Protein backbone atom coordinates (compact mmCIF):
# COMPACT_ATOMS: atom_id res chain seq x y z
CA MET A 1 -127.36 12.84 81.47
CA LYS A 2 -125.29 9.93 80.53
CA ASN A 3 -121.64 10.22 79.96
CA PRO A 4 -121.10 9.93 76.18
CA ILE A 5 -117.59 8.60 76.62
CA SER A 6 -118.72 5.52 78.56
CA ASN A 7 -120.91 4.42 75.65
CA PHE A 8 -118.09 4.76 73.15
CA GLN A 9 -116.80 1.36 71.97
CA PHE A 10 -113.33 0.94 70.61
CA PRO A 11 -113.22 -1.30 67.53
CA ILE A 12 -109.64 -2.31 68.39
CA SER A 13 -110.79 -4.31 71.39
CA LYS A 14 -112.96 -6.50 69.18
CA ILE A 15 -110.12 -7.40 66.78
CA ARG A 16 -108.45 -10.61 67.78
CA GLY A 17 -104.73 -11.12 66.96
CA PHE A 18 -101.32 -12.08 68.24
CA SER A 19 -99.22 -10.13 70.64
CA MET A 20 -95.68 -9.10 69.83
CA VAL A 21 -94.27 -11.71 72.24
CA GLU A 22 -96.23 -14.49 70.54
CA MET A 23 -94.94 -13.41 67.15
CA LEU A 24 -91.34 -13.35 68.38
CA VAL A 25 -91.69 -16.85 69.87
CA VAL A 26 -93.07 -18.24 66.59
CA ILE A 27 -90.32 -16.59 64.54
CA ALA A 28 -87.65 -17.93 66.91
CA LEU A 29 -89.09 -21.47 66.73
CA LEU A 30 -89.26 -21.33 62.93
CA GLY A 31 -85.64 -20.15 62.83
CA ILE A 32 -84.47 -23.00 65.06
CA ILE A 33 -86.44 -25.63 63.12
CA SER A 34 -85.22 -24.35 59.74
CA THR A 35 -81.61 -24.39 60.99
CA ILE A 36 -81.97 -28.00 62.12
CA VAL A 37 -83.59 -29.05 58.83
CA THR A 38 -80.85 -27.29 56.85
CA GLN A 39 -78.13 -29.06 58.84
CA VAL A 40 -79.79 -32.44 58.28
CA LEU A 41 -79.95 -31.77 54.53
CA VAL A 42 -76.31 -30.64 54.39
CA ILE A 43 -75.16 -33.74 56.28
CA SER A 44 -77.22 -35.95 53.99
CA VAL A 45 -75.75 -34.39 50.84
CA ARG A 46 -72.20 -34.65 52.21
CA SER A 47 -72.60 -38.30 53.15
CA SER A 48 -74.03 -39.19 49.74
CA LEU A 49 -71.18 -37.30 48.05
CA LYS A 50 -68.61 -39.14 50.17
CA ALA A 51 -70.26 -42.48 49.39
CA GLU A 52 -70.15 -41.68 45.67
CA ILE A 53 -66.47 -40.74 45.85
CA GLN A 54 -65.64 -43.88 47.84
CA LYS A 55 -67.51 -46.00 45.30
CA GLU A 56 -65.56 -44.43 42.43
CA VAL A 57 -62.20 -44.94 44.15
CA LYS A 58 -63.07 -48.54 45.11
CA GLN A 59 -64.25 -49.47 41.61
CA ASN A 60 -61.04 -48.11 40.07
CA GLY A 61 -58.80 -49.84 42.61
CA ASP A 62 -60.62 -53.16 42.29
CA TYR A 63 -60.42 -52.98 38.50
CA ALA A 64 -56.70 -52.11 38.45
CA ILE A 65 -55.73 -54.80 40.95
CA SER A 66 -57.81 -57.48 39.18
CA ILE A 67 -56.25 -56.72 35.77
CA MET A 68 -52.73 -56.80 37.23
CA GLU A 69 -53.38 -59.97 39.26
CA ARG A 70 -54.75 -61.87 36.28
CA ALA A 71 -51.93 -60.78 33.95
CA ILE A 72 -49.14 -61.49 36.46
CA ARG A 73 -50.60 -64.84 37.53
CA ASN A 74 -50.81 -65.99 33.89
CA ALA A 75 -47.38 -64.60 32.91
CA THR A 76 -44.52 -66.92 32.03
CA ASP A 77 -41.89 -64.69 33.62
CA VAL A 78 -41.28 -61.45 35.49
CA ASP A 79 -38.30 -59.21 34.76
CA ALA A 80 -35.60 -60.59 37.05
CA ALA A 81 -33.58 -57.35 36.98
CA GLY A 82 -35.95 -56.01 39.58
CA CYS A 83 -35.73 -58.92 42.02
CA ASN A 84 -36.11 -57.88 45.66
CA ILE A 85 -36.17 -54.17 44.77
CA SER A 86 -39.29 -52.03 44.97
CA ARG A 87 -39.84 -50.05 41.81
CA ASP A 88 -42.64 -48.01 40.30
CA PHE A 89 -43.06 -50.55 37.48
CA VAL A 90 -42.97 -54.26 36.78
CA THR A 91 -42.50 -55.96 33.41
CA ILE A 92 -43.96 -59.40 32.72
CA THR A 93 -43.62 -61.78 29.79
CA ASN A 94 -46.98 -63.05 28.59
CA ARG A 95 -47.70 -66.53 27.26
CA ASP A 96 -47.54 -65.21 23.69
CA THR A 97 -43.97 -63.89 24.42
CA THR A 98 -45.06 -60.24 24.34
CA THR A 99 -44.27 -58.07 27.34
CA THR A 100 -46.57 -55.98 29.47
CA THR A 101 -45.39 -53.28 31.85
CA PHE A 102 -47.49 -52.02 34.73
CA THR A 103 -46.39 -48.55 35.82
CA CYS A 104 -47.24 -46.06 38.53
CA SER A 105 -47.21 -43.08 36.17
CA SER A 106 -46.41 -39.76 37.80
CA SER A 107 -47.90 -37.42 35.24
CA PRO A 108 -50.76 -37.68 35.91
CA ASN A 109 -50.79 -40.07 38.87
CA LYS A 110 -52.33 -43.09 37.18
CA ILE A 111 -51.69 -46.79 37.05
CA VAL A 112 -50.91 -47.70 33.45
CA SER A 113 -50.65 -51.00 31.60
CA SER A 114 -48.36 -50.87 28.61
CA ALA A 115 -48.30 -53.64 26.00
CA GLY A 116 -47.52 -51.69 22.86
CA VAL A 117 -50.28 -49.20 23.69
CA ASP A 118 -50.72 -47.46 27.03
CA LEU A 119 -53.95 -48.32 28.81
CA ASP A 120 -54.97 -46.40 31.93
CA LEU A 121 -56.17 -48.78 34.63
CA THR A 122 -57.62 -45.85 36.58
CA ASN A 123 -59.84 -43.07 35.27
CA ASP A 124 -59.47 -39.29 35.57
CA LYS A 125 -61.51 -39.10 38.78
CA VAL A 126 -58.93 -40.98 40.86
CA ALA A 127 -55.15 -40.91 41.23
CA TRP A 128 -52.62 -42.87 43.22
CA SER A 129 -51.36 -40.94 46.19
CA GLY A 130 -48.57 -41.51 48.65
CA THR A 131 -46.90 -44.74 47.61
CA CYS A 132 -47.21 -46.95 44.56
CA TYR A 133 -44.71 -49.71 43.98
CA PHE A 134 -44.12 -53.26 42.77
CA LEU A 135 -41.74 -55.68 44.47
CA VAL A 136 -40.66 -58.80 42.56
CA VAL A 137 -39.55 -61.56 44.92
CA CYS A 138 -37.32 -64.20 43.36
CA PRO A 139 -36.89 -67.26 45.61
CA ASN A 140 -33.32 -68.49 45.90
CA PRO A 141 -32.85 -71.31 44.95
CA PRO A 142 -35.65 -71.02 42.40
CA ILE A 143 -37.71 -73.96 43.66
CA ARG A 144 -40.85 -71.86 43.73
CA PRO A 145 -42.22 -69.42 41.15
CA LYS A 146 -41.49 -65.73 41.47
CA TYR A 147 -44.14 -63.57 43.01
CA VAL A 148 -44.99 -59.90 42.84
CA PHE A 149 -46.09 -57.71 45.73
CA ILE A 150 -48.22 -54.74 44.60
CA HIS A 151 -48.93 -51.76 46.81
CA PHE A 152 -50.71 -48.52 45.94
CA THR A 153 -53.11 -46.04 47.50
CA LEU A 154 -55.89 -44.48 45.44
CA ALA A 155 -57.58 -41.18 46.24
CA GLN A 156 -59.94 -38.75 44.62
CA ALA A 157 -58.10 -36.84 41.89
CA GLY A 158 -57.58 -33.20 42.72
CA GLY A 159 -57.92 -33.94 46.42
CA GLY A 160 -61.29 -32.23 46.75
CA GLY A 161 -61.77 -29.19 48.93
CA ASP A 162 -63.58 -30.85 51.80
CA PRO A 163 -61.60 -33.53 53.70
CA ASN A 164 -64.91 -35.01 54.89
CA ALA A 165 -65.96 -35.60 51.28
CA SER A 166 -62.80 -37.32 50.08
CA ALA A 167 -61.79 -40.96 49.97
CA THR A 168 -58.44 -42.71 50.13
CA LEU A 169 -58.16 -46.49 49.88
CA PRO A 170 -54.98 -48.58 50.16
CA TYR A 171 -54.56 -51.64 47.94
CA GLN A 172 -52.03 -54.41 48.17
CA SER A 173 -51.78 -57.89 46.80
CA THR A 174 -49.25 -60.67 46.45
CA ILE A 175 -49.43 -62.62 43.20
CA GLU A 176 -47.50 -65.79 42.48
CA LEU A 177 -46.78 -66.80 38.90
CA ARG A 178 -48.35 -70.11 37.91
CA THR A 179 -45.21 -71.22 36.16
CA ASN A 180 -41.79 -71.71 37.64
CA SER A 181 -39.55 -69.87 35.20
CA PRO A 182 -35.79 -70.48 35.18
């Protein structure tokens, strides 16, 4: 008589599948790949955020310096009381005899143009940080026109939480008046 157990077939042996080790290897590889992809995405988002912040700071600084340069260059005079002294403001006399004052305002930290009405030269997203001053140089004897040295540093307003996603740009310019005022 035949042994009935030897003819018995186990259905488990016919099922094909993955072993536990294979499953663990696949899960580990997926974990490593997803971590790398996540890091690449985070770095990409941070760099685009930093580029956007830098663009905002640069646009504001370029705008402020261009307005001040044009106004000072075309002015007929600069307030002589501030000769050779750095101050947080400078007052110029325009061709139409009105005066304009450029100020490093401290509340909030903005650069302001004042000619009857205050006009912010920087928006709410940026603020001057560190130093902001104007230096009027009056040549003695006055054979050359006065000139104004402007220095300020702009940064993201509020500072931002992440130092890698913040921007700070220094600006400076020397502007000579076109006219030689007495």
